Amino acid sequence: MALLILMTPKGQTTQVPVTEPEMTIGRAEHNHVVLASQRVSRFHAALATDGPVVTIRDLGSRNGTFVNGRRIEMQILVNGDNIDIAGYWIRFLTFDQERIADEAMELITERGPLV
């Protein structure tokens, strides 16, 4: 599972789970992630998920999409990558659901039932 931590230029933060095989980011209301700025293209960038691999692709935006300070056309994202779209800062995080489930089962086994 992947998660985007979005910080606006004014410092407001929100979390956006990456739940669809393809998610678009842009100014238009039809995007999965809407960024309200004239500097953001209507359809600015897209995330594509293929199994555990998530890529980000710039959709021909005027101001560009940056990952870890580098302007990109397309790039595979890794845990902790920083995405910059027209002053919006986005942190990409991944979580290994299988590992989390295993750790939860381990805790339940060690501590026994909660009754």
PDB file of N, CA and C in Angstrom:
ATOM      1  N   MET A   1       0.844  -1.178   0.000  1.00  0.00           N
ATOM      2  CA  MET A   1       0.000   0.000   0.000  1.00  0.00           C
ATOM      3  C   MET A   1       0.888   1.240   0.000  1.00  0.00           C
ATOM      4  N   ALA A   2       0.439   2.257  -0.703  1.00  0.00           N
ATOM      5  CA  ALA A   2       1.195   3.508  -0.765  1.00  0.00           C
ATOM      6  C   ALA A   2       0.310   4.650  -0.285  1.00  0.00           C
ATOM      7  N   LEU A   3       0.976   5.693   0.182  1.00  0.00           N
ATOM      8  CA  LEU A   3       0.287   6.846   0.740  1.00  0.00           C
ATOM      9  C   LEU A   3       1.017   8.107   0.307  1.00  0.00           C
ATOM     10  N   LEU A   4       0.245   9.143  -0.025  1.00  0.00           N
ATOM     11  CA  LEU A   4       0.806  10.456  -0.316  1.00  0.00           C
ATOM     12  C   LEU A   4       0.502  11.368   0.866  1.00  0.00           C
ATOM     13  N   ILE A   5       1.524  12.040   1.375  1.00  0.00           N
ATOM     14  CA  ILE A   5       1.336  13.080   2.380  1.00  0.00           C
ATOM     15  C   ILE A   5       1.500  14.396   1.633  1.00  0.00           C
ATOM     16  N   LEU A   6       0.429  15.139   1.511  1.00  0.00           N
ATOM     17  CA  LEU A   6       0.392  16.359   0.709  1.00  0.00           C
ATOM     18  C   LEU A   6       0.449  17.577   1.619  1.00  0.00           C
ATOM     19  N   MET A   7       1.377  18.494   1.315  1.00  0.00           N
ATOM     20  CA  MET A   7       1.449  19.759   2.043  1.00  0.00           C
ATOM     21  C   MET A   7       1.262  20.896   1.043  1.00  0.00           C
ATOM     22  N   THR A   8       0.285  21.750   1.330  1.00  0.00           N
ATOM     23  CA  THR A   8       0.013  22.886   0.458  1.00  0.00           C
ATOM     24  C   THR A   8       1.066  23.968   0.680  1.00  0.00           C
ATOM     25  N   PRO A   9       1.160  24.941  -0.243  1.00  0.00           N
ATOM     26  CA  PRO A   9       2.093  26.053  -0.032  1.00  0.00           C
ATOM     27  C   PRO A   9       1.818  26.819   1.266  1.00  0.00           C
ATOM     28  N   LYS A  10       0.590  26.748   1.797  1.00  0.00           N
ATOM     29  CA  LYS A  10       0.244  27.423   3.048  1.00  0.00           C
ATOM     30  C   LYS A  10       0.513  26.546   4.271  1.00  0.00           C
ATOM     31  N   GLY A  11       1.037  25.326   4.069  1.00  0.00           N
ATOM     32  CA  GLY A  11       1.405  24.463   5.183  1.00  0.00           C
ATOM     33  C   GLY A  11       0.331  23.507   5.666  1.00  0.00           C
ATOM     34  N   GLN A  12      -0.822  23.453   5.000  1.00  0.00           N
ATOM     35  CA  GLN A  12      -1.863  22.497   5.371  1.00  0.00           C
ATOM     36  C   GLN A  12      -1.480  21.124   4.840  1.00  0.00           C
ATOM     37  N   THR A  13      -1.725  20.073   5.646  1.00  0.00           N
ATOM     38  CA  THR A  13      -1.375  18.723   5.209  1.00  0.00           C
ATOM     39  C   THR A  13      -2.608  17.836   5.147  1.00  0.00           C
ATOM     40  N   THR A  14      -2.540  16.861   4.262  1.00  0.00           N
ATOM     41  CA  THR A  14      -3.579  15.851   4.136  1.00  0.00           C
ATOM     42  C   THR A  14      -2.936  14.563   3.649  1.00  0.00           C
ATOM     43  N   GLN A  15      -3.592  13.442   3.927  1.00  0.00           N
ATOM     44  CA  GLN A  15      -3.107  12.138   3.482  1.00  0.00           C
ATOM     45  C   GLN A  15      -4.012  11.628   2.375  1.00  0.00           C
ATOM     46  N   VAL A  16      -3.395  11.080   1.330  1.00  0.00           N
ATOM     47  CA  VAL A  16      -4.145  10.526   0.211  1.00  0.00           C
ATOM     48  C   VAL A  16      -3.639   9.109  -0.038  1.00  0.00           C
ATOM     49  N   PRO A  17      -4.455   8.078   0.267  1.00  0.00           N
ATOM     50  CA  PRO A  17      -4.021   6.717  -0.035  1.00  0.00           C
ATOM     51  C   PRO A  17      -4.009   6.484  -1.548  1.00  0.00           C
ATOM     52  N   VAL A  18      -3.021   5.753  -2.020  1.00  0.00           N
ATOM     53  CA  VAL A  18      -2.941   5.395  -3.441  1.00  0.00           C
ATOM     54  C   VAL A  18      -3.737   4.103  -3.593  1.00  0.00           C
ATOM     55  N   THR A  19      -4.990   4.238  -4.056  1.00  0.00           N
ATOM     56  CA  THR A  19      -5.919   3.112  -4.069  1.00  0.00           C
ATOM     57  C   THR A  19      -6.310   2.640  -5.462  1.00  0.00           C
ATOM     58  N   GLU A  20      -5.995   3.412  -6.477  1.00  0.00           N
ATOM     59  CA  GLU A  20      -6.390   3.085  -7.848  1.00  0.00           C
ATOM     60  C   GLU A  20      -5.164   2.710  -8.675  1.00  0.00           C
ATOM     61  N   PRO A  21      -5.343   1.890  -9.721  1.00  0.00           N
ATOM     62  CA  PRO A  21      -4.202   1.551 -10.585  1.00  0.00           C
ATOM     63  C   PRO A  21      -3.605   2.779 -11.267  1.00  0.00           C
ATOM     64  N   GLU A  22      -4.451   3.770 -11.573  1.00  0.00           N
ATOM     65  CA  GLU A  22      -3.967   5.036 -12.137  1.00  0.00           C
ATOM     66  C   GLU A  22      -4.699   6.174 -11.437  1.00  0.00           C
ATOM     67  N   MET A  23      -3.934   7.142 -10.957  1.00  0.00           N
ATOM     68  CA  MET A  23      -4.500   8.308 -10.281  1.00  0.00           C
ATOM     69  C   MET A  23      -3.879   9.557 -10.885  1.00  0.00           C
ATOM     70  N   THR A  24      -4.726  10.540 -11.191  1.00  0.00           N
ATOM     71  CA  THR A  24      -4.217  11.778 -11.769  1.00  0.00           C
ATOM     72  C   THR A  24      -4.153  12.877 -10.712  1.00  0.00           C
ATOM     73  N   ILE A  25      -3.219  13.798 -10.945  1.00  0.00           N
ATOM     74  CA  ILE A  25      -2.996  14.942 -10.067  1.00  0.00           C
ATOM     75  C   ILE A  25      -3.087  16.188 -10.933  1.00  0.00           C
ATOM     76  N   GLY A  26      -3.862  17.171 -10.500  1.00  0.00           N
ATOM     77  CA  GLY A  26      -3.955  18.401 -11.273  1.00  0.00           C
ATOM     78  C   GLY A  26      -4.960  19.370 -10.699  1.00  0.00           C
ATOM     79  N   ARG A  27      -5.187  20.442 -11.436  1.00  0.00           N
ATOM     80  CA  ARG A  27      -6.066  21.522 -11.001  1.00  0.00           C
ATOM     81  C   ARG A  27      -7.546  21.208 -11.242  1.00  0.00           C
ATOM     82  N   ALA A  28      -7.858  20.429 -12.273  1.00  0.00           N
ATOM     83  CA  ALA A  28      -9.253  20.131 -12.617  1.00  0.00           C
ATOM     84  C   ALA A  28      -9.905  19.250 -11.554  1.00  0.00           C
ATOM     85  N   GLU A  29     -11.193  19.463 -11.348  1.00  0.00           N
ATOM     86  CA  GLU A  29     -11.933  18.725 -10.327  1.00  0.00           C
ATOM     87  C   GLU A  29     -12.029  17.231 -10.610  1.00  0.00           C
ATOM     88  N   HIS A  30     -11.775  16.805 -11.832  1.00  0.00           N
ATOM     89  CA  HIS A  30     -11.899  15.391 -12.194  1.00  0.00           C
ATOM     90  C   HIS A  30     -10.687  14.566 -11.777  1.00  0.00           C
ATOM     91  N   ASN A  31      -9.664  15.185 -11.227  1.00  0.00           N
ATOM     92  CA  ASN A  31      -8.466  14.468 -10.787  1.00  0.00           C
ATOM     93  C   ASN A  31      -8.715  13.769  -9.457  1.00  0.00           C
ATOM     94  N   HIS A  32      -7.932  12.731  -9.196  1.00  0.00           N
ATOM     95  CA  HIS A  32      -7.978  12.054  -7.897  1.00  0.00           C
ATOM     96  C   HIS A  32      -7.399  12.951  -6.806  1.00  0.00           C
ATOM     97  N   VAL A  33      -6.352  13.706  -7.157  1.00  0.00           N
ATOM     98  CA  VAL A  33      -5.730  14.658  -6.236  1.00  0.00           C
ATOM     99  C   VAL A  33      -5.826  16.032  -6.894  1.00  0.00           C
ATOM    100  N   VAL A  34      -6.605  16.927  -6.288  1.00  0.00           N
ATOM    101  CA  VAL A  34      -6.828  18.263  -6.850  1.00  0.00           C
ATOM    102  C   VAL A  34      -5.939  19.263  -6.117  1.00  0.00           C
ATOM    103  N   LEU A  35      -5.139  20.001  -6.894  1.00  0.00           N
ATOM    104  CA  LEU A  35      -4.253  21.033  -6.360  1.00  0.00           C
ATOM    105  C   LEU A  35      -4.745  22.380  -6.882  1.00  0.00           C
ATOM    106  N   ALA A  36      -5.234  23.213  -5.987  1.00  0.00           N
ATOM    107  CA  ALA A  36      -5.894  24.469  -6.363  1.00  0.00           C
ATOM    108  C   ALA A  36      -4.883  25.596  -6.541  1.00  0.00           C
ATOM    109  N   SER A  37      -4.262  25.634  -7.717  1.00  0.00           N
ATOM    110  CA  SER A  37      -3.326  26.712  -8.037  1.00  0.00           C
ATOM    111  C   SER A  37      -3.278  26.870  -9.549  1.00  0.00           C
ATOM    112  N   GLN A  38      -3.202  28.114 -10.004  1.00  0.00           N
ATOM    113  CA  GLN A  38      -3.087  28.365 -11.439  1.00  0.00           C
ATOM    114  C   GLN A  38      -1.754  27.867 -11.993  1.00  0.00           C
ATOM    115  N   ARG A  39      -0.760  27.664 -11.138  1.00  0.00           N
ATOM    116  CA  ARG A  39       0.543  27.145 -11.577  1.00  0.00           C
ATOM    117  C   ARG A  39       0.491  25.645 -11.875  1.00  0.00           C
ATOM    118  N   VAL A  40      -0.566  24.974 -11.400  1.00  0.00           N
ATOM    119  CA  VAL A  40      -0.742  23.542 -11.631  1.00  0.00           C
ATOM    120  C   VAL A  40      -1.567  23.366 -12.900  1.00  0.00           C
ATOM    121  N   SER A  41      -1.127  22.490 -13.792  1.00  0.00           N
ATOM    122  CA  SER A  41      -1.892  22.214 -15.012  1.00  0.00           C
ATOM    123  C   SER A  41      -3.193  21.491 -14.656  1.00  0.00           C
ATOM    124  N   ARG A  42      -4.176  21.598 -15.547  1.00  0.00           N
ATOM    125  CA  ARG A  42      -5.453  20.920 -15.289  1.00  0.00           C
ATOM    126  C   ARG A  42      -5.234  19.436 -15.029  1.00  0.00           C
ATOM    127  N   PHE A  43      -4.447  18.784 -15.854  1.00  0.00           N
ATOM    128  CA  PHE A  43      -4.032  17.394 -15.645  1.00  0.00           C
ATOM    129  C   PHE A  43      -2.514  17.413 -15.664  1.00  0.00           C
ATOM    130  N   HIS A  44      -1.907  17.471 -14.500  1.00  0.00           N
ATOM    131  CA  HIS A  44      -0.484  17.764 -14.346  1.00  0.00           C
ATOM    132  C   HIS A  44       0.384  16.508 -14.372  1.00  0.00           C
ATOM    133  N   ALA A  45       0.001  15.499 -13.578  1.00  0.00           N
ATOM    134  CA  ALA A  45       0.817  14.286 -13.456  1.00  0.00           C
ATOM    135  C   ALA A  45      -0.094  13.099 -13.186  1.00  0.00           C
ATOM    136  N   ALA A  46       0.452  11.898 -13.375  1.00  0.00           N
ATOM    137  CA  ALA A  46      -0.313  10.677 -13.108  1.00  0.00           C
ATOM    138  C   ALA A  46       0.555   9.679 -12.366  1.00  0.00           C
ATOM    139  N   LEU A  47      -0.075   8.980 -11.431  1.00  0.00           N
ATOM    140  CA  LEU A  47       0.563   7.866 -10.736  1.00  0.00           C
ATOM    141  C   LEU A  47       0.007   6.583 -11.329  1.00  0.00           C
ATOM    142  N   ALA A  48       0.871   5.614 -11.581  1.00  0.00           N
ATOM    143  CA  ALA A  48       0.437   4.311 -12.072  1.00  0.00           C
ATOM    144  C   ALA A  48       1.004   3.239 -11.157  1.00  0.00           C
ATOM    145  N   THR A  49       0.140   2.326 -10.720  1.00  0.00           N
ATOM    146  CA  THR A  49       0.541   1.247  -9.828  1.00  0.00           C
ATOM    147  C   THR A  49       0.493  -0.065 -10.586  1.00  0.00           C
ATOM    148  N   ASP A  50       1.595  -0.805 -10.536  1.00  0.00           N
ATOM    149  CA  ASP A  50       1.677  -2.130 -11.144  1.00  0.00           C
ATOM    150  C   ASP A  50       2.283  -3.057 -10.101  1.00  0.00           C
ATOM    151  N   GLY A  51       1.413  -3.737  -9.345  1.00  0.00           N
ATOM    152  CA  GLY A  51       1.901  -4.544  -8.228  1.00  0.00           C
ATOM    153  C   GLY A  51       2.504  -3.622  -7.185  1.00  0.00           C
ATOM    154  N   PRO A  52       3.732  -3.914  -6.750  1.00  0.00           N
ATOM    155  CA  PRO A  52       4.351  -3.063  -5.734  1.00  0.00           C
ATOM    156  C   PRO A  52       5.022  -1.805  -6.307  1.00  0.00           C
ATOM    157  N   VAL A  53       5.065  -1.690  -7.636  1.00  0.00           N
ATOM    158  CA  VAL A  53       5.779  -0.583  -8.279  1.00  0.00           C
ATOM    159  C   VAL A  53       4.810   0.560  -8.582  1.00  0.00           C
ATOM    160  N   VAL A  54       5.195   1.769  -8.143  1.00  0.00           N
ATOM    161  CA  VAL A  54       4.404   2.970  -8.429  1.00  0.00           C
ATOM    162  C   VAL A  54       5.291   3.925  -9.213  1.00  0.00           C
ATOM    163  N   THR A  55       4.786   4.384 -10.354  1.00  0.00           N
ATOM    164  CA  THR A  55       5.525   5.361 -11.154  1.00  0.00           C
ATOM    165  C   THR A  55       4.731   6.662 -11.197  1.00  0.00           C
ATOM    166  N   ILE A  56       5.455   7.758 -11.374  1.00  0.00           N
ATOM    167  CA  ILE A  56       4.832   9.059 -11.592  1.00  0.00           C
ATOM    168  C   ILE A  56       5.267   9.542 -12.965  1.00  0.00           C
ATOM    169  N   ARG A  57       4.311  10.133 -13.692  1.00  0.00           N
ATOM    170  CA  ARG A  57       4.583  10.608 -15.049  1.00  0.00           C
ATOM    171  C   ARG A  57       4.037  12.022 -15.177  1.00  0.00           C
ATOM    172  N   ASP A  58       4.854  12.924 -15.697  1.00  0.00           N
ATOM    173  CA  ASP A  58       4.396  14.278 -15.985  1.00  0.00           C
ATOM    174  C   ASP A  58       3.535  14.218 -17.239  1.00  0.00           C
ATOM    175  N   LEU A  59       2.407  14.908 -17.233  1.00  0.00           N
ATOM    176  CA  LEU A  59       1.481  14.863 -18.364  1.00  0.00           C
ATOM    177  C   LEU A  59       1.645  16.061 -19.294  1.00  0.00           C
ATOM    178  N   GLY A  60       2.890  16.521 -19.461  1.00  0.00           N
ATOM    179  CA  GLY A  60       3.163  17.646 -20.350  1.00  0.00           C
ATOM    180  C   GLY A  60       2.871  18.989 -19.708  1.00  0.00           C
ATOM    181  N   SER A  61       2.997  19.048 -18.402  1.00  0.00           N
ATOM    182  CA  SER A  61       2.698  20.289 -17.680  1.00  0.00           C
ATOM    183  C   SER A  61       3.700  21.381 -18.030  1.00  0.00           C
ATOM    184  N   ARG A  62       3.265  22.620 -17.905  1.00  0.00           N
ATOM    185  CA  ARG A  62       4.132  23.762 -18.201  1.00  0.00           C
ATOM    186  C   ARG A  62       5.217  23.930 -17.134  1.00  0.00           C
ATOM    187  N   ASN A  63       4.861  23.773 -15.857  1.00  0.00           N
ATOM    188  CA  ASN A  63       5.801  24.023 -14.760  1.00  0.00           C
ATOM    189  C   ASN A  63       6.551  22.789 -14.277  1.00  0.00           C
ATOM    190  N   GLY A  64       6.230  21.636 -14.821  1.00  0.00           N
ATOM    191  CA  GLY A  64       6.996  20.435 -14.524  1.00  0.00           C
ATOM    192  C   GLY A  64       6.612  19.723 -13.241  1.00  0.00           C
ATOM    193  N   THR A  65       7.100  18.490 -13.152  1.00  0.00           N
ATOM    194  CA  THR A  65       6.956  17.638 -11.978  1.00  0.00           C
ATOM    195  C   THR A  65       8.362  17.291 -11.530  1.00  0.00           C
ATOM    196  N   PHE A  66       8.630  17.460 -10.240  1.00  0.00           N
ATOM    197  CA  PHE A  66       9.971  17.240  -9.702  1.00  0.00           C
ATOM    198  C   PHE A  66       9.936  16.139  -8.654  1.00  0.00           C
ATOM    199  N   VAL A  67      10.910  15.239  -8.717  1.00  0.00           N
ATOM    200  CA  VAL A  67      11.080  14.198  -7.698  1.00  0.00           C
ATOM    201  C   VAL A  67      12.476  14.366  -7.120  1.00  0.00           C
ATOM    202  N   ASN A  68      12.523  14.574  -5.811  1.00  0.00           N
ATOM    203  CA  ASN A  68      13.791  14.787  -5.104  1.00  0.00           C
ATOM    204  C   ASN A  68      14.633  15.885  -5.761  1.00  0.00           C
ATOM    205  N   GLY A  69      13.940  16.957  -6.201  1.00  0.00           N
ATOM    206  CA  GLY A  69      14.625  18.117  -6.759  1.00  0.00           C
ATOM    207  C   GLY A  69      14.958  18.040  -8.234  1.00  0.00           C
ATOM    208  N   ARG A  70      14.676  16.907  -8.886  1.00  0.00           N
ATOM    209  CA  ARG A  70      14.972  16.740 -10.315  1.00  0.00           C
ATOM    210  C   ARG A  70      13.686  16.739 -11.128  1.00  0.00           C
ATOM    211  N   ARG A  71      13.666  17.528 -12.210  1.00  0.00           N
ATOM    212  CA  ARG A  71      12.508  17.513 -13.101  1.00  0.00           C
ATOM    213  C   ARG A  71      12.464  16.168 -13.814  1.00  0.00           C
ATOM    214  N   ILE A  72      11.279  15.567 -13.859  1.00  0.00           N
ATOM    215  CA  ILE A  72      11.163  14.229 -14.457  1.00  0.00           C
ATOM    216  C   ILE A  72      10.081  14.222 -15.538  1.00  0.00           C
ATOM    217  N   GLU A  73      10.182  13.252 -16.422  1.00  0.00           N
ATOM    218  CA  GLU A  73       9.083  12.929 -17.329  1.00  0.00           C
ATOM    219  C   GLU A  73       8.341  11.729 -16.774  1.00  0.00           C
ATOM    220  N   MET A  74       9.119  10.715 -16.341  1.00  0.00           N
ATOM    221  CA  MET A  74       8.544   9.540 -15.699  1.00  0.00           C
ATOM    222  C   MET A  74       9.602   8.961 -14.769  1.00  0.00           C
ATOM    223  N   GLN A  75       9.157   8.475 -13.609  1.00  0.00           N
ATOM    224  CA  GLN A  75      10.104   7.900 -12.658  1.00  0.00           C
ATOM    225  C   GLN A  75       9.392   6.914 -11.739  1.00  0.00           C
ATOM    226  N   ILE A  76      10.086   5.825 -11.412  1.00  0.00           N
ATOM    227  CA  ILE A  76       9.602   4.898 -10.393  1.00  0.00           C
ATOM    228  C   ILE A  76       9.812   5.560  -9.041  1.00  0.00           C
ATOM    229  N   LEU A  77       8.786   5.528  -8.207  1.00  0.00           N
ATOM    230  CA  LEU A  77       8.874   6.128  -6.877  1.00  0.00           C
ATOM    231  C   LEU A  77       9.316   5.087  -5.853  1.00  0.00           C
ATOM    232  N   VAL A  78      10.098   5.534  -4.888  1.00  0.00           N
ATOM    233  CA  VAL A  78      10.505   4.670  -3.780  1.00  0.00           C
ATOM    234  C   VAL A  78      10.105   5.351  -2.474  1.00  0.00           C
ATOM    235  N   ASN A  79      10.004   4.552  -1.434  1.00  0.00           N
ATOM    236  CA  ASN A  79       9.589   5.051  -0.131  1.00  0.00           C
ATOM    237  C   ASN A  79      10.402   6.282   0.277  1.00  0.00           C
ATOM    238  N   GLY A  80       9.700   7.346   0.642  1.00  0.00           N
ATOM    239  CA  GLY A  80      10.357   8.565   1.099  1.00  0.00           C
ATOM    240  C   GLY A  80      10.623   9.599   0.029  1.00  0.00           C
ATOM    241  N   ASP A  81      10.318   9.294  -1.240  1.00  0.00           N
ATOM    242  CA  ASP A  81      10.543  10.282  -2.301  1.00  0.00           C
ATOM    243  C   ASP A  81       9.718  11.541  -2.046  1.00  0.00           C
ATOM    244  N   ASN A  82      10.299  12.685  -2.417  1.00  0.00           N
ATOM    245  CA  ASN A  82       9.627  13.981  -2.318  1.00  0.00           C
ATOM    246  C   ASN A  82       9.246  14.448  -3.713  1.00  0.00           C
ATOM    247  N   ILE A  83       7.970  14.734  -3.898  1.00  0.00           N
ATOM    248  CA  ILE A  83       7.444  15.202  -5.175  1.00  0.00           C
ATOM    249  C   ILE A  83       7.075  16.673  -4.999  1.00  0.00           C
ATOM    250  N   ASP A  84       7.455  17.494  -5.970  1.00  0.00           N
ATOM    251  CA  ASP A  84       7.120  18.920  -5.930  1.00  0.00           C
ATOM    252  C   ASP A  84       6.361  19.261  -7.201  1.00  0.00           C
ATOM    253  N   ILE A  85       5.133  19.729  -7.017  1.00  0.00           N
ATOM    254  CA  ILE A  85       4.310  20.165  -8.138  1.00  0.00           C
ATOM    255  C   ILE A  85       3.856  21.588  -7.841  1.00  0.00           C
ATOM    256  N   ALA A  86       4.495  22.552  -8.493  1.00  0.00           N
ATOM    257  CA  ALA A  86       4.111  23.970  -8.404  1.00  0.00           C
ATOM    258  C   ALA A  86       3.968  24.453  -6.964  1.00  0.00           C
ATOM    259  N   GLY A  87       4.914  24.082  -6.118  1.00  0.00           N
ATOM    260  CA  GLY A  87       4.893  24.540  -4.729  1.00  0.00           C
ATOM    261  C   GLY A  87       4.149  23.633  -3.774  1.00  0.00           C
ATOM    262  N   TYR A  88       3.464  22.627  -4.294  1.00  0.00           N
ATOM    263  CA  TYR A  88       2.849  21.608  -3.443  1.00  0.00           C
ATOM    264  C   TYR A  88       3.895  20.535  -3.202  1.00  0.00           C
ATOM    265  N   TRP A  89       4.113  20.201  -1.949  1.00  0.00           N
ATOM    266  CA  TRP A  89       5.109  19.209  -1.566  1.00  0.00           C
ATOM    267  C   TRP A  89       4.371  17.919  -1.233  1.00  0.00           C
ATOM    268  N   ILE A  90       4.786  16.807  -1.836  1.00  0.00           N
ATOM    269  CA  ILE A  90       4.131  15.517  -1.628  1.00  0.00           C
ATOM    270  C   ILE A  90       5.195  14.497  -1.250  1.00  0.00           C
ATOM    271  N   ARG A  91       4.997  13.827  -0.127  1.00  0.00           N
ATOM    272  CA  ARG A  91       5.908  12.748   0.295  1.00  0.00           C
ATOM    273  C   ARG A  91       5.243  11.422  -0.065  1.00  0.00           C
ATOM    274  N   PHE A  92       5.986  10.547  -0.741  1.00  0.00           N
ATOM    275  CA  PHE A  92       5.493   9.231  -1.132  1.00  0.00           C
ATOM    276  C   PHE A  92       5.967   8.211  -0.104  1.00  0.00           C
ATOM    277  N   LEU A  93       5.023   7.486   0.487  1.00  0.00           N
ATOM    278  CA  LEU A  93       5.354   6.468   1.481  1.00  0.00           C
ATOM    279  C   LEU A  93       4.750   5.132   1.078  1.00  0.00           C
ATOM    280  N   THR A  94       5.469   4.051   1.356  1.00  0.00           N
ATOM    281  CA  THR A  94       4.946   2.714   1.086  1.00  0.00           C
ATOM    282  C   THR A  94       4.894   1.918   2.379  1.00  0.00           C
ATOM    283  N   PHE A  95       3.937   1.002   2.426  1.00  0.00           N
ATOM    284  CA  PHE A  95       3.768   0.128   3.578  1.00  0.00           C
ATOM    285  C   PHE A  95       3.603  -1.291   3.069  1.00  0.00           C
ATOM    286  N   ASP A  96       4.331  -2.211   3.651  1.00  0.00           N
ATOM    287  CA  ASP A  96       4.241  -3.617   3.282  1.00  0.00           C
ATOM    288  C   ASP A  96       3.102  -4.238   4.085  1.00  0.00           C
ATOM    289  N   GLN A  97       1.932  -4.414   3.457  1.00  0.00           N
ATOM    290  CA  GLN A  97       0.755  -4.918   4.160  1.00  0.00           C
ATOM    291  C   GLN A  97       0.986  -6.316   4.723  1.00  0.00           C
ATOM    292  N   GLU A  98       1.705  -7.145   3.984  1.00  0.00           N
ATOM    293  CA  GLU A  98       1.964  -8.504   4.457  1.00  0.00           C
ATOM    294  C   GLU A  98       2.799  -8.465   5.738  1.00  0.00           C
ATOM    295  N   ARG A  99       3.807  -7.606   5.773  1.00  0.00           N
ATOM    296  CA  ARG A  99       4.654  -7.492   6.964  1.00  0.00           C
ATOM    297  C   ARG A  99       3.840  -6.975   8.142  1.00  0.00           C
ATOM    298  N   ILE A 100       2.983  -5.995   7.909  1.00  0.00           N
ATOM    299  CA  ILE A 100       2.148  -5.449   8.976  1.00  0.00           C
ATOM    300  C   ILE A 100       1.213  -6.525   9.516  1.00  0.00           C
ATOM    301  N   ALA A 101       0.607  -7.321   8.627  1.00  0.00           N
ATOM    302  CA  ALA A 101      -0.281  -8.406   9.060  1.00  0.00           C
ATOM    303  C   ALA A 101       0.489  -9.442   9.869  1.00  0.00           C
ATOM    304  N   ASP A 102       1.704  -9.780   9.420  1.00  0.00           N
ATOM    305  CA  ASP A 102       2.533 -10.741  10.159  1.00  0.00           C
ATOM    306  C   ASP A 102       2.858 -10.223  11.551  1.00  0.00           C
ATOM    307  N   GLU A 103       3.220  -8.948  11.668  1.00  0.00           N
ATOM    308  CA  GLU A 103       3.541  -8.365  12.972  1.00  0.00           C
ATOM    309  C   GLU A 103       2.313  -8.342  13.879  1.00  0.00           C
ATOM    310  N   ALA A 104       1.153  -8.061  13.317  1.00  0.00           N
ATOM    311  CA  ALA A 104      -0.076  -8.059  14.113  1.00  0.00           C
ATOM    312  C   ALA A 104      -0.377  -9.459  14.636  1.00  0.00           C
ATOM    313  N   MET A 105      -0.216 -10.471  13.783  1.00  0.00           N
ATOM    314  CA  MET A 105      -0.448 -11.852  14.215  1.00  0.00           C
ATOM    315  C   MET A 105       0.538 -12.254  15.301  1.00  0.00           C
ATOM    316  N   GLU A 106       1.766 -11.806  15.173  1.00  0.00           N
ATOM    317  CA  GLU A 106       2.794 -12.095  16.172  1.00  0.00           C
ATOM    318  C   GLU A 106       2.403 -11.499  17.527  1.00  0.00           C
ATOM    319  N   LEU A 107       1.929 -10.266  17.524  1.00  0.00           N
ATOM    320  CA  LEU A 107       1.494  -9.624  18.765  1.00  0.00           C
ATOM    321  C   LEU A 107       0.317 -10.362  19.390  1.00  0.00           C
ATOM    322  N   ILE A 108      -0.642 -10.761  18.564  1.00  0.00           N
ATOM    323  CA  ILE A 108      -1.811 -11.490  19.069  1.00  0.00           C
ATOM    324  C   ILE A 108      -1.373 -12.809  19.683  1.00  0.00           C
ATOM    325  N   THR A 109      -0.460 -13.511  19.012  1.00  0.00           N
ATOM    326  CA  THR A 109       0.032 -14.798  19.499  1.00  0.00           C
ATOM    327  C   THR A 109       0.777 -14.630  20.817  1.00  0.00           C
ATOM    328  N   GLU A 110       1.615 -13.608  20.920  1.00  0.00           N
ATOM    329  CA  GLU A 110       2.405 -13.378  22.132  1.00  0.00           C
ATOM    330  C   GLU A 110       1.535 -12.976  23.315  1.00  0.00           C
ATOM    331  N   ARG A 111       0.556 -12.125  23.078  1.00  0.00           N
ATOM    332  CA  ARG A 111      -0.231 -11.560  24.181  1.00  0.00           C
ATOM    333  C   ARG A 111      -1.512 -12.313  24.459  1.00  0.00           C
ATOM    334  N   GLY A 112      -1.936 -13.141  23.544  1.00  0.00           N
ATOM    335  CA  GLY A 112      -3.178 -13.872  23.746  1.00  0.00           C
ATOM    336  C   GLY A 112      -4.391 -13.007  23.446  1.00  0.00           C
ATOM    337  N   PRO A 113      -5.581 -13.581  23.590  1.00  0.00           N
ATOM    338  CA  PRO A 113      -6.805 -12.834  23.288  1.00  0.00           C
ATOM    339  C   PRO A 113      -7.009 -11.669  24.249  1.00  0.00           C
ATOM    340  N   LEU A 114      -7.788 -10.695  23.821  1.00  0.00           N
ATOM    341  CA  LEU A 114      -8.020  -9.484  24.598  1.00  0.00           C
ATOM    342  C   LEU A 114      -9.206  -9.601  25.558  1.00  0.00           C
ATOM    343  N   VAL A 115      -9.782 -10.781  25.751  1.00  0.00           N
ATOM    344  CA  VAL A 115     -10.940 -10.932  26.653  1.00  0.00           C
ATOM    345  C   VAL A 115     -10.550 -11.176  28.080  1.00  0.00           C
TER     346      VAL A 115
END
